[in-house]
Amino acid sequence: MTLAKPSKQLRETKKKDAKAPFLIQSAIDDETFSKIATTTTYHDAWETLKKEFLGEKKLITIKL
């Protein structure tokens, strides 16, 4: 039994997924990093950063 090779698109997606943590962590300072250090996924970390810098969705709408 042979395993199928992962498709090129799947490999590219995995590369991008691996870059996300590095890009997020390298773009923020230590104080901000401490706010996302307890998150379990990078999606959660991104959502925390959005709330930190943009505010809640309701507040964003009011600002616009």
Protein backbone atom coordinates (compact mmCIF):
# COMPACT_ATOMS: atom_id res chain seq x y z
CA MET A 1 0.00 0.00 0.00
CA THR A 2 1.44 3.40 -0.99
CA LEU A 3 0.52 6.75 0.39
CA ALA A 4 -0.43 9.52 -2.00
CA LYS A 5 1.90 12.50 -2.19
CA PRO A 6 0.47 15.68 -0.74
CA SER A 7 -0.67 18.06 -3.42
CA LYS A 8 1.32 21.18 -4.20
CA GLN A 9 -1.52 23.36 -2.89
CA LEU A 10 -1.56 21.48 0.42
CA ARG A 11 2.21 21.92 0.81
CA GLU A 12 1.93 25.65 0.10
CA THR A 13 -0.88 25.98 2.66
CA LYS A 14 1.20 24.19 5.28
CA LYS A 15 4.13 26.54 4.57
CA LYS A 16 1.91 29.58 5.05
CA ASP A 17 0.48 28.12 8.26
CA ALA A 18 4.01 27.64 9.59
CA LYS A 19 4.92 31.25 8.78
CA ALA A 20 1.98 32.76 10.64
CA PRO A 21 3.33 32.28 14.19
CA PHE A 22 6.71 33.70 13.23
CA LEU A 23 5.22 36.76 11.57
CA ILE A 24 2.87 37.50 14.45
CA GLN A 25 5.54 37.07 17.11
CA SER A 26 8.19 39.08 15.28
CA ALA A 27 5.85 42.00 14.64
CA ILE A 28 4.87 42.74 18.25
CA ASP A 29 6.66 43.98 21.34
CA ASP A 30 7.10 42.08 24.61
CA GLU A 31 4.15 43.74 26.33
CA THR A 32 1.77 42.84 23.53
CA PHE A 33 3.22 39.34 23.26
CA SER A 34 2.35 38.70 26.90
CA LYS A 35 -1.31 39.32 26.01
CA ILE A 36 -1.34 36.60 23.35
CA ALA A 37 1.00 34.15 25.08
CA THR A 38 -1.89 32.30 26.72
CA THR A 39 -3.86 31.75 23.52
CA THR A 40 -3.97 28.20 22.23
CA THR A 41 -4.25 28.89 18.49
CA TYR A 42 -2.90 31.59 16.23
CA HIS A 43 -6.42 32.46 15.19
CA ASP A 44 -7.15 33.27 18.84
CA ALA A 45 -3.94 35.29 19.02
CA TRP A 46 -4.95 37.25 15.94
CA GLU A 47 -8.40 37.93 17.36
CA THR A 48 -6.82 39.15 20.62
CA LEU A 49 -4.57 41.51 18.65
CA LYS A 50 -7.53 42.82 16.67
CA LYS A 51 -9.42 43.59 19.88
CA GLU A 52 -6.33 45.22 21.37
CA PHE A 53 -5.66 47.56 18.47
CA LEU A 54 -9.04 47.98 16.78
CA GLY A 55 -11.45 47.50 19.65
CA GLU A 56 -14.71 45.61 19.74
CA LYS A 57 -16.77 45.27 16.55
CA LYS A 58 -19.43 47.64 17.87
CA LEU A 59 -16.82 50.27 18.66
CA ILE A 60 -15.21 49.88 15.23
CA THR A 61 -18.58 50.57 13.58
CA ILE A 62 -19.10 53.67 15.70
CA LYS A 63 -15.61 54.95 14.82
CA LEU A 64 -16.29 54.57 11.12
